[in-house]
Amino acid sequence: MTKKDRLIYLPLGGAGEIGMNCYVFGYGPEGAERLIVVDLGVTFPNMDETPGVDLIMPDITWLAENSSRVEAIFITHAHEDHVGALGHLWPRIKAPVYARPFTAAIATLKMEEQGQPLDVIRVVKPRPEVVQAGPFRVQFVPVSHSIPESASLVIDTPAGRIVHSADFKLDGTPVVGEPFDPEEWHRIAKEGKGVKVLTCDSTNVFSPHPGRSEASLAKPLSELIAAQRGMVVATTFASNIARLKTLAEAGRDAGRSICLLGRAMKRMITAAVETGILTDFPPIIQPEEAVDVPRQSLMLIVTGSQGERRAASAQLARGKYLGLEMKEGDTFLFSSKTIPGNERDVIRVMNAYSEMGVDVIDDRGGLYHVSGHANRPDLEAVHELLRPKILLPMHGEHRHLREHCQIGLAKGISAELAVNGTMVDLTGDEPDVVEYVEAGRTYLDGSVLIGAMDGVVRDRIRMALNGHVLVTVILDEDDQPLGEAWVETMGLAERARSGAPVAEAVERELNEFLDSAGDRVLKDDDKVEEAIRKIVRQVAVEEIGKKPEVTVVTSRLVAE
C-alpha cells in the first residue's frame, strides 16, 4: 500500500525556549518526506548549568540521519540564535544555504570560521523571487526587527501555504532596514487558497501594549546624551545596527567623537556597510585616538549589554581597556533589555561602575530601548491579517507558546503547542501530533562538539560542587603496598575542623586499609579502587562534610 503524502513540522530548537532556533518542514510520503530547514542558531551557556561550555546548539541527530532528504537550509536573519550554529552543524546536513545579502555575509563568516565551503551560500532577493526546494516554493518577505534584512518566509507546498514569521515587529519607521508592509501581507493572505499554517514568534506575547518604533528613541537618547558632562558609554546588542546608528548620531549631535569597542560590533557595522544597508553612519575614531579626546567630548559605544565577561563593557568595569577607563562623573547607558538568565552578570557590571562613581542608566522606564519582537496586540493583528487555519507558536518558552495558543483558539484558529521534538502533521484542517523525536542539545566545548548527555559537563559540575581527590598507590610484584598511598586534593579545604591537614587524614586511613587488606583484594584492581573511593569519601565527610569525586591510580611493578 502506497503511503499518502503529508505535510509535517518539526521544531528542533526554539520551541519551548528563546534562542537556538531550528525548524524543519517536510512534504512527501510518510517517513520519506523531502525536508527544508529554517535557521540553525545557538543559545549561550551559564556557569550554573553549563560551566566551561562555549556555545549550545540543537541536537540535529534526526536531521543528520535524514540528511539525504534535506533540500535546503533557509536563514531568516543574522542573529546568533538563528545563524550561529551554521558553521558547526552544516557538515552534518550539507545542503545549500539561502539568505538575503546581509544575512549571507554573516553566514559566510560563520562558515569561514569553521573551514566550511562558502559556495553553498546562495544570496536571494525578497519576494517575488522564489527558491524552488523540492516540493517547496519559498519566498523571503522583508519584516522589521532589531537587525537589518530580517525576513519571514512564505512556504508554498502541495498541501497549502505556510507563513513562518521568524522574528518580527510591526515597525513602519525602523531607522535601518525595511518597514513592515501591511499591504504586502494582505496580498500574501489573499493569494490562492490563503494561509493554511502560521508558525509565529511568541517572545512578547505577555506584553499588553502595541510595540514602539525604533525611530521613537532618537529624541530621548539625544536629550540624555546632550545633558551629560563626563564621558558617555552606551551598550546595546552588536547586531542592532539601527540602534548603533541612533546612538552614534545622538553622540555626534552632542559634539562628541564616537568610538566603537568590541569585535562583534565592528564586524556587524562592516557587513552592513559592505552590503549597502548602512551608508551614513557618523565618523568613528579608533581607541588609540579616543585616549587623547577630552572626556566631555567622547562617547564610546561598546559590546556587552548582557554582562558578558569578555565583552568591552565588562572589561571597562574591571579597569582600563585599550587605554580607556571610566571615572567618577561619567555615564554608562544600557540601551537594551536584559535577557532572562543574564540578570546576575548585568548587575555585577552595574555595581562595578557604581563603585567607580559612574552614573548607570538602564531601561527600566522604557525610554531608551524598544523590543524587536511583536507585542500581544501586534500578534493579534497579524492573526487577523493572515487568518491562518492553523497556528503553531514558536520562538518562546513553554509559557509563551501556551499563551499564544490560547489567543489563537479564542479567535477560532486551530492551534498546537509543539515544543522541540514534536512532529506535527499539518495535512488536514487540524494539526495532529504524530511523533516525538529526541531533541536535546549539543555543546561546543572548547573546539569539539559533545552531547549534553555525554556526561562531560555533568562530571565538571560534580567536581565543582564536591572537589576532587587523586590517590596514587603502588603495589610490588607480590601485590603488596610499596610505600604509602599518596593523596592530592583539589577544590577542597586543606584543613579539617580539627585543624589537621585533610590529605594526611585520608592518607592515614588508606595506609591502614592497605596494611590490613588481604591478598584477594590487593590482587584485584577494581576491588582496590572501590575500597579506596569508599574510604576517601567517608573520611572527607567526617573531616570536612564533603563527598568528593575520587580518581585512583594503581601502579603495579612487574617482575623481570
Protein backbone atom coordinates (compact mmCIF):
# COMPACT_ATOMS: atom_id res chain seq x y z
CA MET A 1 0.00 0.00 0.00
CA THR A 2 1.43 3.38 -1.04
CA LYS A 3 1.75 5.85 1.79
CA LYS A 4 -0.05 9.15 1.33
CA ASP A 5 1.85 12.40 1.09
CA ARG A 6 1.80 14.55 4.20
CA LEU A 7 2.99 17.97 5.35
CA ILE A 8 4.97 17.95 8.61
CA TYR A 9 6.52 20.47 11.01
CA LEU A 10 9.27 19.57 13.48
CA PRO A 11 10.98 22.12 15.75
CA LEU A 12 14.43 21.01 16.94
CA GLY A 13 15.22 24.26 18.76
CA GLY A 14 13.45 27.49 19.65
CA ALA A 15 10.11 26.00 20.67
CA GLY A 16 9.96 25.91 24.46
CA GLU A 17 12.92 28.29 24.79
CA ILE A 18 14.07 31.64 23.46
CA GLY A 19 17.14 31.02 21.31
CA MET A 20 18.73 28.09 19.43
CA ASN A 21 16.18 28.24 16.62
CA CYS A 22 15.92 25.29 14.22
CA TYR A 23 12.71 24.31 12.45
CA VAL A 24 12.09 21.55 9.92
CA PHE A 25 9.28 21.35 7.37
CA GLY A 26 8.64 18.26 5.28
CA TYR A 27 6.36 17.10 2.46
CA GLY A 28 6.01 13.70 0.84
CA PRO A 29 5.24 10.07 1.73
CA GLU A 30 5.34 9.30 5.45
CA GLY A 31 8.92 8.68 6.53
CA ALA A 32 10.29 9.81 3.17
CA GLU A 33 9.28 13.46 3.14
CA ARG A 34 11.56 15.92 1.39
CA LEU A 35 12.77 18.41 4.02
CA ILE A 36 13.80 22.03 4.40
CA VAL A 37 15.47 23.53 7.47
CA VAL A 38 14.75 27.04 8.71
CA ASP A 39 17.58 28.55 10.79
CA LEU A 40 20.48 26.94 12.67
CA GLY A 41 21.01 29.00 15.80
CA VAL A 42 22.74 28.88 19.15
CA THR A 43 21.99 29.77 22.73
CA PHE A 44 24.53 30.69 25.36
CA PRO A 45 25.84 28.78 28.40
CA ASN A 46 25.87 29.81 32.03
CA MET A 47 28.15 28.86 34.89
CA ASP A 48 25.38 27.19 36.89
CA GLU A 49 24.21 24.62 34.32
CA THR A 50 26.89 24.52 31.62
CA PRO A 51 30.24 25.59 33.12
CA GLY A 52 33.07 25.82 30.63
CA VAL A 53 30.82 25.35 27.59
CA ASP A 54 31.34 27.87 24.77
CA LEU A 55 28.07 27.54 22.80
CA ILE A 56 24.90 25.48 22.89
CA MET A 57 23.27 24.22 19.69
CA PRO A 58 20.34 21.98 18.80
CA ASP A 59 20.85 18.23 18.67
CA ILE A 60 20.29 17.54 14.97
CA THR A 61 20.83 13.77 15.12
CA TRP A 62 17.42 13.11 13.50
CA LEU A 63 18.18 15.63 10.78
CA ALA A 64 21.66 14.20 10.18
CA GLU A 65 20.21 10.70 9.90
CA ASN A 66 17.85 12.03 7.23
CA SER A 67 20.31 14.43 5.58
CA SER A 68 19.79 12.84 2.14
CA ARG A 69 16.22 14.15 2.26
CA VAL A 70 17.18 17.77 3.05
CA GLU A 71 16.68 20.08 0.06
CA ALA A 72 17.87 23.38 1.54
CA ILE A 73 18.60 25.48 4.62
CA PHE A 74 16.99 28.92 4.89
CA ILE A 75 18.37 31.55 7.28
CA THR A 76 15.81 34.23 8.14
CA HIS A 77 18.20 36.78 9.67
CA ALA A 78 21.67 37.22 11.13
CA HIS A 79 21.08 36.99 14.88
CA GLU A 80 23.23 34.37 16.63
CA ASP A 81 20.19 32.40 17.75
CA HIS A 82 19.30 31.89 14.07
CA VAL A 83 22.64 31.61 12.25
CA GLY A 84 25.26 30.96 14.96
CA ALA A 85 25.37 27.16 14.59
CA LEU A 86 25.59 27.10 10.79
CA GLY A 87 29.36 26.60 10.51
CA HIS A 88 29.35 23.90 13.19
CA LEU A 89 26.32 21.87 12.05
CA TRP A 90 26.33 22.32 8.26
CA PRO A 91 28.74 19.38 7.67
CA ARG A 92 26.10 17.00 9.06
CA ILE A 93 23.45 18.25 6.61
CA LYS A 94 25.38 19.52 3.57
CA ALA A 95 22.53 21.33 1.84
CA PRO A 96 22.57 24.67 0.02
CA VAL A 97 22.03 27.69 2.27
CA TYR A 98 19.73 30.54 1.20
CA ALA A 99 19.76 34.01 2.76
CA ARG A 100 19.42 37.69 1.93
CA PRO A 101 22.67 39.65 1.30
CA PHE A 102 23.42 40.96 4.83
CA THR A 103 22.47 37.64 6.43
CA ALA A 104 24.51 35.79 3.81
CA ALA A 105 27.54 37.96 4.67
CA ILE A 106 27.30 36.93 8.34
CA ALA A 107 26.58 33.30 7.37
CA THR A 108 29.71 33.35 5.21
CA LEU A 109 31.77 34.46 8.21
CA LYS A 110 30.31 31.61 10.29
CA MET A 111 31.21 29.06 7.60
CA GLU A 112 34.66 30.57 7.05
CA GLU A 113 35.49 30.42 10.77
CA GLN A 114 34.89 26.65 10.74
CA GLY A 115 36.65 25.99 7.42
CA GLN A 116 33.44 25.09 5.58
CA PRO A 117 32.85 25.68 1.84
CA LEU A 118 31.46 29.11 1.00
CA ASP A 119 29.98 28.34 -2.40
CA VAL A 120 26.98 26.61 -0.78
CA ILE A 121 25.62 30.00 0.35
CA ARG A 122 23.13 31.43 -2.16
CA VAL A 123 22.09 35.09 -1.95
CA VAL A 124 18.40 35.64 -2.69
CA LYS A 125 16.18 38.65 -3.23
CA PRO A 126 12.87 39.24 -1.48
CA ARG A 127 9.53 38.16 -2.86
CA PRO A 128 8.55 37.76 -5.69
CA GLU A 129 11.81 35.80 -6.16
CA VAL A 130 11.11 32.12 -5.50
CA VAL A 131 13.51 29.42 -4.33
CA GLN A 132 12.36 26.00 -5.50
CA ALA A 133 13.49 23.38 -2.98
CA GLY A 134 11.97 20.00 -3.84
CA PRO A 135 8.21 20.30 -3.31
CA PHE A 136 8.63 23.68 -1.56
CA ARG A 137 8.42 27.12 -3.17
CA VAL A 138 9.99 29.58 -0.69
CA GLN A 139 9.89 33.38 -0.73
CA PHE A 140 11.63 35.84 1.62
CA VAL A 141 9.33 38.62 2.86
CA PRO A 142 11.05 41.67 4.43
CA VAL A 143 9.97 42.43 8.01
CA SER A 144 11.20 44.88 10.62
CA HIS A 145 13.24 43.51 13.52
CA SER A 146 16.29 44.57 15.56
CA ILE A 147 18.73 43.60 12.81
CA PRO A 148 18.69 44.57 9.12
CA GLU A 149 17.24 42.42 6.34
CA SER A 150 15.14 40.21 8.56
CA ALA A 151 12.64 38.10 6.69
CA SER A 152 9.59 35.97 7.20
CA LEU A 153 9.19 33.04 4.84
CA VAL A 154 6.21 32.21 2.65
CA ILE A 155 6.45 28.48 2.02
CA ASP A 156 4.09 27.10 -0.62
CA THR A 157 3.55 23.34 -0.62
CA PRO A 158 1.14 20.98 -2.42
CA ALA A 159 -0.79 20.82 0.89
CA GLY A 160 -1.13 24.59 1.30
CA ARG A 161 0.70 27.78 2.23
CA ILE A 162 2.83 28.16 5.36
CA VAL A 163 3.92 31.54 6.70
CA HIS A 164 6.92 31.30 9.03
CA SER A 165 7.07 34.68 10.75
CA ALA A 166 10.60 34.31 12.19
CA ASP A 167 11.39 37.28 14.49
CA PHE A 168 9.44 40.40 13.61
CA LYS A 169 7.71 43.54 14.83
CA LEU A 170 5.23 45.96 13.29
CA ASP A 171 7.50 48.96 12.74
CA GLY A 172 6.87 51.45 9.98
CA THR A 173 9.99 53.52 10.78
CA PRO A 174 12.79 51.08 11.74
CA VAL A 175 15.67 53.60 11.07
CA VAL A 176 17.72 50.92 9.27
CA GLY A 177 16.16 48.16 7.19
CA GLU A 178 12.71 47.73 5.71
CA PRO A 179 9.46 48.68 7.44
CA PHE A 180 6.67 46.16 7.99
CA ASP A 181 4.44 46.39 4.88
CA PRO A 182 0.81 45.51 5.72
CA GLU A 183 -0.25 45.73 2.08
CA GLU A 184 2.21 43.01 1.11
CA TRP A 185 0.88 40.85 3.92
CA HIS A 186 -2.69 41.39 2.72
CA ARG A 187 -1.60 40.08 -0.69
CA ILE A 188 0.06 37.06 0.95
CA ALA A 189 -3.18 36.32 2.83
CA LYS A 190 -5.40 36.59 -0.25
CA GLU A 191 -3.32 34.68 -2.81
CA GLY A 192 -4.53 31.21 -3.79
CA LYS A 193 -6.37 29.46 -1.00
CA GLY A 194 -4.95 31.73 1.70
CA VAL A 195 -2.69 30.80 4.59
CA LYS A 196 -3.01 27.27 5.92
CA VAL A 197 -0.38 27.46 8.69
CA LEU A 198 1.22 30.33 10.60
CA THR A 199 4.32 29.46 12.64
CA CYS A 200 4.68 32.58 14.73
CA ASP A 201 7.08 34.45 17.04
CA SER A 202 5.80 34.33 20.65
CA THR A 203 8.52 36.26 22.51
CA ASN A 204 6.42 39.25 23.62
CA VAL A 205 3.03 37.56 23.92
CA PHE A 206 2.75 38.82 27.52
CA SER A 207 3.45 42.47 26.60
CA PRO A 208 -0.02 44.08 26.58
CA HIS A 209 0.71 47.34 24.72
CA PRO A 210 1.41 47.81 20.99
CA GLY A 211 5.13 47.85 20.19
CA ARG A 212 7.00 51.14 19.72
CA SER A 213 9.02 52.14 16.69
CA GLU A 214 12.81 52.24 16.69
CA ALA A 215 12.55 55.84 15.49
CA SER A 216 10.89 56.86 18.77
CA LEU A 217 14.24 56.54 20.56
CA ALA A 218 16.06 59.31 18.72
CA LYS A 219 14.72 62.21 20.80
CA PRO A 220 15.13 60.74 24.33
CA LEU A 221 18.60 59.39 23.52
CA SER A 222 19.70 62.74 22.09
CA GLU A 223 18.40 64.59 25.14
CA LEU A 224 20.06 62.19 27.54
CA ILE A 225 23.49 62.31 25.89
CA ALA A 226 23.42 66.08 25.41
CA ALA A 227 22.80 66.54 29.16
CA GLN A 228 25.89 64.59 30.31
CA ARG A 229 29.12 66.31 31.34
CA GLY A 230 31.58 63.43 31.60
CA MET A 231 32.34 60.64 29.16
CA VAL A 232 29.30 58.71 27.90
CA VAL A 233 29.45 54.97 27.28
CA ALA A 234 26.47 53.14 25.79
CA THR A 235 25.91 49.46 25.15
CA THR A 236 23.34 47.63 23.07
CA PHE A 237 23.19 44.42 21.04
CA ALA A 238 26.01 44.45 18.49
CA SER A 239 23.61 43.34 15.77
CA ASN A 240 21.17 46.22 16.31
CA ILE A 241 22.52 48.40 13.51
CA ALA A 242 19.64 50.87 13.79
CA ARG A 243 20.31 51.42 17.50
CA LEU A 244 24.04 51.83 16.91
CA LYS A 245 23.25 54.46 14.29
CA THR A 246 20.81 56.28 16.58
CA LEU A 247 23.29 56.28 19.46
CA ALA A 248 26.16 57.46 17.25
CA GLU A 249 24.04 60.25 15.77
CA ALA A 250 22.98 61.37 19.25
CA GLY A 251 26.63 61.48 20.31
CA ARG A 252 27.69 63.34 17.19
CA ASP A 253 24.88 65.89 17.63
CA ALA A 254 26.10 66.46 21.20
CA GLY A 255 29.55 67.35 19.83
CA ARG A 256 31.19 64.07 20.83
CA SER A 257 33.67 61.90 18.96
CA ILE A 258 32.38 58.34 18.54
CA CYS A 259 34.47 55.24 19.23
CA LEU A 260 33.25 51.66 18.85
CA LEU A 261 34.66 48.97 21.15
CA GLY A 262 34.07 45.28 20.54
CA ARG A 263 34.88 42.90 17.69
CA ALA A 264 31.28 41.78 17.15
CA MET A 265 30.05 45.36 16.81
CA LYS A 266 32.74 46.30 14.31
CA ARG A 267 32.05 43.14 12.30
CA MET A 268 28.34 43.93 12.09
CA ILE A 269 28.96 47.54 11.01
CA THR A 270 31.45 46.36 8.37
CA ALA A 271 28.96 43.81 6.99
CA ALA A 272 26.20 46.44 6.92
CA VAL A 273 28.40 48.88 5.00
CA GLU A 274 29.68 46.24 2.57
CA THR A 275 26.15 45.07 1.74
CA GLY A 276 24.87 48.61 1.25
CA ILE A 277 22.48 48.64 4.21
CA LEU A 278 24.38 51.34 6.07
CA THR A 279 25.54 54.36 4.10
CA ASP A 280 25.56 57.31 6.51
CA PHE A 281 26.97 56.13 9.83
CA PRO A 282 28.68 59.01 11.70
CA PRO A 283 32.51 59.09 11.53
CA ILE A 284 34.23 56.95 14.15
CA ILE A 285 37.67 57.17 15.73
CA GLN A 286 39.98 54.37 16.86
CA PRO A 287 40.63 53.60 20.57
CA GLU A 288 44.19 54.94 20.34
CA GLU A 289 42.77 58.27 19.14
CA ALA A 290 39.99 58.26 21.76
CA VAL A 291 42.56 58.23 24.57
CA ASP A 292 43.51 61.83 23.68
CA VAL A 293 39.93 63.17 23.38
CA PRO A 294 38.63 65.21 26.38
CA ARG A 295 36.11 63.15 28.38
CA GLN A 296 33.27 65.60 27.86
CA SER A 297 33.78 65.27 24.09
CA LEU A 298 33.90 61.47 23.87
CA MET A 299 31.26 58.76 23.51
CA LEU A 300 32.03 55.04 23.46
CA ILE A 301 29.57 52.51 22.04
CA VAL A 302 30.54 49.10 23.38
CA THR A 303 29.61 45.43 23.30
CA GLY A 304 28.45 43.54 26.39
CA SER A 305 24.83 44.56 27.02
CA GLN A 306 24.26 41.18 28.69
CA GLY A 307 27.23 41.44 31.05
CA GLU A 308 29.39 39.03 29.03
CA ARG A 309 32.73 38.67 30.80
CA ARG A 310 34.96 39.16 27.78
CA ALA A 311 32.94 41.98 26.18
CA ALA A 312 34.05 45.62 26.28
CA SER A 313 31.53 46.77 28.93
CA ALA A 314 32.74 44.16 31.44
CA GLN A 315 36.38 44.89 30.59
CA LEU A 316 35.84 48.60 31.32
CA ALA A 317 34.08 47.65 34.56
CA ARG A 318 37.27 45.88 35.68
CA GLY A 319 39.57 48.82 34.92
CA LYS A 320 41.43 50.09 31.87
CA TYR A 321 40.56 48.67 28.45
CA LEU A 322 42.62 49.66 25.39
CA GLY A 323 43.86 52.65 27.38
CA LEU A 324 40.36 53.89 28.22
CA GLU A 325 38.76 53.88 31.66
CA MET A 326 35.58 55.05 33.38
CA LYS A 327 35.78 57.70 36.12
CA GLU A 328 33.52 59.43 38.58
CA GLY A 329 31.05 61.68 36.78
CA ASP A 330 30.89 59.52 33.65
CA THR A 331 27.64 57.91 32.45
CA PHE A 332 27.01 54.33 31.35
CA LEU A 333 23.79 53.60 29.42
CA PHE A 334 22.22 50.19 28.83
CA SER A 335 20.14 50.75 25.66
CA SER A 336 18.99 47.16 25.78
CA LYS A 337 16.80 44.65 27.56
CA THR A 338 18.40 42.14 29.89
CA ILE A 339 17.64 38.65 28.59
CA PRO A 340 16.21 36.42 31.35
CA GLY A 341 19.05 34.47 32.92
CA ASN A 342 21.62 37.25 32.41
CA GLU A 343 20.45 39.47 35.28
CA ARG A 344 23.25 38.48 37.65
CA ASP A 345 26.00 39.24 35.11
CA VAL A 346 24.47 42.60 34.18
CA ILE A 347 24.02 43.64 37.82
CA ARG A 348 27.64 42.71 38.53
CA VAL A 349 28.77 45.14 35.81
CA MET A 350 26.38 47.83 37.07
CA ASN A 351 27.71 47.56 40.61
CA ALA A 352 31.30 47.75 39.42
CA TYR A 353 30.53 51.03 37.65
CA SER A 354 28.62 52.32 40.65
CA GLU A 355 31.68 51.75 42.84
CA MET A 356 33.66 53.91 40.41
CA GLY A 357 31.18 56.78 40.82
CA VAL A 358 29.75 56.25 37.34
CA ASP A 359 26.05 57.01 36.80
CA VAL A 360 24.38 53.87 35.41
CA ILE A 361 21.18 54.25 33.40
CA ASP A 362 19.19 51.16 32.41
CA ASP A 363 15.91 50.75 30.58
CA ARG A 364 13.52 50.16 33.43
CA GLY A 365 11.46 53.14 32.31
CA GLY A 366 11.31 52.02 28.67
CA LEU A 367 12.77 55.30 27.40
CA TYR A 368 15.98 54.06 25.84
CA HIS A 369 15.12 50.69 24.30
CA VAL A 370 12.37 49.14 22.19
CA SER A 371 11.95 45.45 21.55
CA GLY A 372 12.49 43.83 18.17
CA HIS A 373 9.55 41.48 18.70
CA ALA A 374 5.82 41.92 18.20
CA ASN A 375 3.77 42.51 21.36
CA ARG A 376 0.43 40.83 22.05
CA PRO A 377 -1.78 43.37 20.19
CA ASP A 378 0.58 43.17 17.20
CA LEU A 379 0.43 39.37 17.18
CA GLU A 380 -3.36 39.55 17.25
CA ALA A 381 -3.25 42.00 14.33
CA VAL A 382 -1.15 39.55 12.30
CA HIS A 383 -3.57 36.70 13.12
CA GLU A 384 -6.40 38.91 11.89
CA LEU A 385 -4.48 39.95 8.79
CA LEU A 386 -3.39 36.46 7.68
CA ARG A 387 -6.36 34.47 9.03
CA PRO A 388 -4.49 31.15 9.14
CA LYS A 389 -6.34 27.88 9.60
CA ILE A 390 -3.63 26.58 11.95
CA LEU A 391 -1.41 28.45 14.41
CA LEU A 392 1.87 26.95 15.65
CA PRO A 393 3.52 29.28 18.19
CA MET A 394 7.34 29.15 18.25
CA HIS A 395 10.28 31.27 19.44
CA GLY A 396 9.26 31.29 23.08
CA GLU A 397 9.37 29.44 26.38
CA HIS A 398 6.61 26.95 27.17
CA ARG A 399 4.50 29.59 28.90
CA HIS A 400 4.78 31.89 25.86
CA LEU A 401 3.70 29.14 23.48
CA ARG A 402 0.79 28.14 25.70
CA GLU A 403 -0.47 31.72 25.98
CA HIS A 404 -0.13 32.21 22.23
CA CYS A 405 -2.16 29.06 21.61
CA GLN A 406 -4.91 30.41 23.87
CA ILE A 407 -5.06 33.63 21.84
CA GLY A 408 -5.45 31.68 18.61
CA LEU A 409 -8.06 29.29 19.98
CA ALA A 410 -10.10 32.21 21.31
CA LYS A 411 -10.22 33.58 17.74
CA GLY A 412 -11.32 30.22 16.30
CA ILE A 413 -7.87 29.28 14.94
CA SER A 414 -6.76 25.67 15.44
CA ALA A 415 -3.54 25.76 17.49
CA GLU A 416 -0.99 23.25 18.73
CA LEU A 417 1.64 23.65 21.43
CA ALA A 418 4.55 21.88 19.75
CA VAL A 419 7.78 22.06 21.74
CA ASN A 420 11.16 20.87 20.47
CA GLY A 421 10.96 17.32 19.15
CA THR A 422 7.21 17.35 18.47
CA MET A 423 6.40 16.31 14.91
CA VAL A 424 3.06 17.71 13.74
CA ASP A 425 1.10 16.53 10.68
CA LEU A 426 -0.39 19.62 9.02
CA THR A 427 -2.05 17.90 6.07
CA GLY A 428 -5.62 18.17 7.33
CA ASP A 429 -7.62 21.03 8.76
CA GLU A 430 -6.42 20.28 12.31
CA PRO A 431 -2.82 19.85 13.49
CA ASP A 432 -2.06 16.26 14.52
CA VAL A 433 0.91 15.29 16.69
CA VAL A 434 2.26 12.11 15.10
CA GLU A 435 5.71 11.52 16.59
CA TYR A 436 8.22 12.67 19.17
CA VAL A 437 11.87 12.98 18.13
CA GLU A 438 14.83 13.24 20.51
CA ALA A 439 15.66 16.96 20.54
CA GLY A 440 18.37 17.64 23.06
CA ARG A 441 21.36 19.94 22.95
CA THR A 442 24.85 19.87 21.52
CA TYR A 443 27.66 21.71 23.30
CA LEU A 444 30.68 23.37 21.76
CA ASP A 445 33.23 22.60 24.46
CA GLY A 446 36.50 24.22 23.50
CA SER A 447 36.93 23.13 19.90
CA VAL A 448 34.86 19.93 19.94
CA LEU A 449 31.14 19.16 19.85
CA ILE A 450 29.76 16.99 22.63
CA GLY A 451 26.27 15.81 23.52
CA ALA A 452 24.51 17.29 26.51
CA MET A 453 24.02 13.75 27.83
CA ASP A 454 27.61 12.60 27.29
CA GLY A 455 28.44 13.25 30.94
CA VAL A 456 31.30 15.70 30.37
CA VAL A 457 29.54 18.72 31.82
CA ARG A 458 27.82 16.64 34.49
CA ASP A 459 31.23 15.45 35.72
CA ARG A 460 32.51 19.02 35.60
CA ILE A 461 29.62 20.20 37.76
CA ARG A 462 30.14 17.37 40.23
CA MET A 463 33.82 18.26 40.58
CA ALA A 464 32.90 21.91 41.03
CA LEU A 465 30.38 21.07 43.75
CA ASN A 466 32.31 18.36 45.56
CA GLY A 467 36.01 18.84 44.83
CA HIS A 468 38.41 16.14 43.67
CA VAL A 469 40.84 13.75 45.32
CA LEU A 470 43.62 11.94 43.43
CA VAL A 471 45.00 8.82 45.14
CA THR A 472 48.15 7.08 43.90
CA VAL A 473 49.00 3.58 45.14
CA ILE A 474 51.99 1.43 44.13
CA LEU A 475 51.93 -2.36 44.57
CA ASP A 476 55.00 -4.55 44.18
CA GLU A 477 55.47 -7.89 42.37
CA ASP A 478 53.87 -9.69 45.32
CA ASP A 479 50.81 -7.41 45.29
CA GLN A 480 51.90 -5.70 48.47
CA PRO A 481 51.95 -1.90 49.07
CA LEU A 482 55.24 -0.31 48.13
CA GLY A 483 55.48 2.76 50.31
CA GLU A 484 52.42 4.67 51.40
CA ALA A 485 49.40 5.95 49.48
CA TRP A 486 49.80 9.49 48.17
CA VAL A 487 46.83 11.85 48.18
CA GLU A 488 46.39 15.16 46.33
CA THR A 489 43.26 17.26 46.77
CA MET A 490 41.76 19.95 44.54
CA GLY A 491 38.80 22.19 45.31
CA LEU A 492 38.65 21.08 48.95
CA ALA A 493 39.54 22.80 52.20
CA GLU A 494 43.12 22.00 53.14
CA ARG A 495 42.38 21.52 56.83
CA ALA A 496 39.61 19.77 58.69
CA ARG A 497 37.56 21.28 61.54
CA SER A 498 40.21 19.98 63.94
CA GLY A 499 42.91 21.91 62.09
CA ALA A 500 44.65 18.75 60.82
CA PRO A 501 45.51 18.55 57.09
CA VAL A 502 42.73 16.69 55.22
CA ALA A 503 45.14 14.93 52.85
CA GLU A 504 47.09 13.50 55.79
CA ALA A 505 43.90 12.20 57.44
CA VAL A 506 42.91 10.45 54.23
CA GLU A 507 46.41 9.02 53.74
CA ARG A 508 46.41 7.67 57.30
CA GLU A 509 43.14 5.77 56.77
CA LEU A 510 44.23 4.48 53.36
CA ASN A 511 47.54 3.16 54.69
CA GLU A 512 45.74 1.33 57.49
CA PHE A 513 43.50 -0.27 54.87
CA LEU A 514 46.43 -1.27 52.64
CA ASP A 515 48.32 -2.78 55.58
CA SER A 516 45.37 -4.91 56.62
CA ALA A 517 43.83 -5.80 53.23
CA GLY A 518 44.03 -9.45 52.21
CA ASP A 519 45.63 -10.82 49.05
CA ARG A 520 42.22 -11.38 47.43
CA VAL A 521 41.54 -7.63 47.48
CA LEU A 522 45.05 -6.42 46.66
CA LYS A 523 45.30 -8.65 43.56
CA ASP A 524 42.15 -7.10 42.06
CA ASP A 525 42.46 -3.50 40.79
CA ASP A 526 38.68 -3.00 40.77
CA LYS A 527 38.37 -4.07 44.42
CA VAL A 528 41.31 -1.88 45.46
CA GLU A 529 39.84 1.17 43.71
CA GLU A 530 36.33 0.58 45.07
CA ALA A 531 37.63 0.31 48.64
CA ILE A 532 39.84 3.39 48.30
CA ARG A 533 36.98 5.50 46.91
CA LYS A 534 34.76 4.47 49.80
CA ILE A 535 37.41 5.30 52.42
CA VAL A 536 38.26 8.68 50.86
CA ARG A 537 34.63 9.75 50.82
CA GLN A 538 33.99 8.53 54.38
CA VAL A 539 36.99 10.43 55.72
CA ALA A 540 36.13 13.57 53.74
CA VAL A 541 32.55 13.56 55.01
CA GLU A 542 33.75 13.14 58.60
CA GLU A 543 36.52 15.76 58.34
CA ILE A 544 35.06 18.50 56.11
CA GLY A 545 31.48 17.46 55.31
CA LYS A 546 32.11 16.91 51.57
CA LYS A 547 31.89 13.80 49.40
CA PRO A 548 34.48 14.45 46.65
CA GLU A 549 34.99 12.88 43.26
CA VAL A 550 37.83 10.38 43.54
CA THR A 551 40.38 9.21 40.97
CA VAL A 552 42.51 6.20 41.91
CA VAL A 553 45.76 5.43 40.08
CA THR A 554 47.01 1.94 40.92
CA SER A 555 50.50 1.12 39.61
CA ARG A 556 51.88 -2.42 39.76
CA LEU A 557 55.54 -3.38 39.49
CA VAL A 558 56.17 -6.33 37.20
CA ALA A 559 58.97 -8.84 37.91
CA GLU A 560 61.56 -9.10 35.12
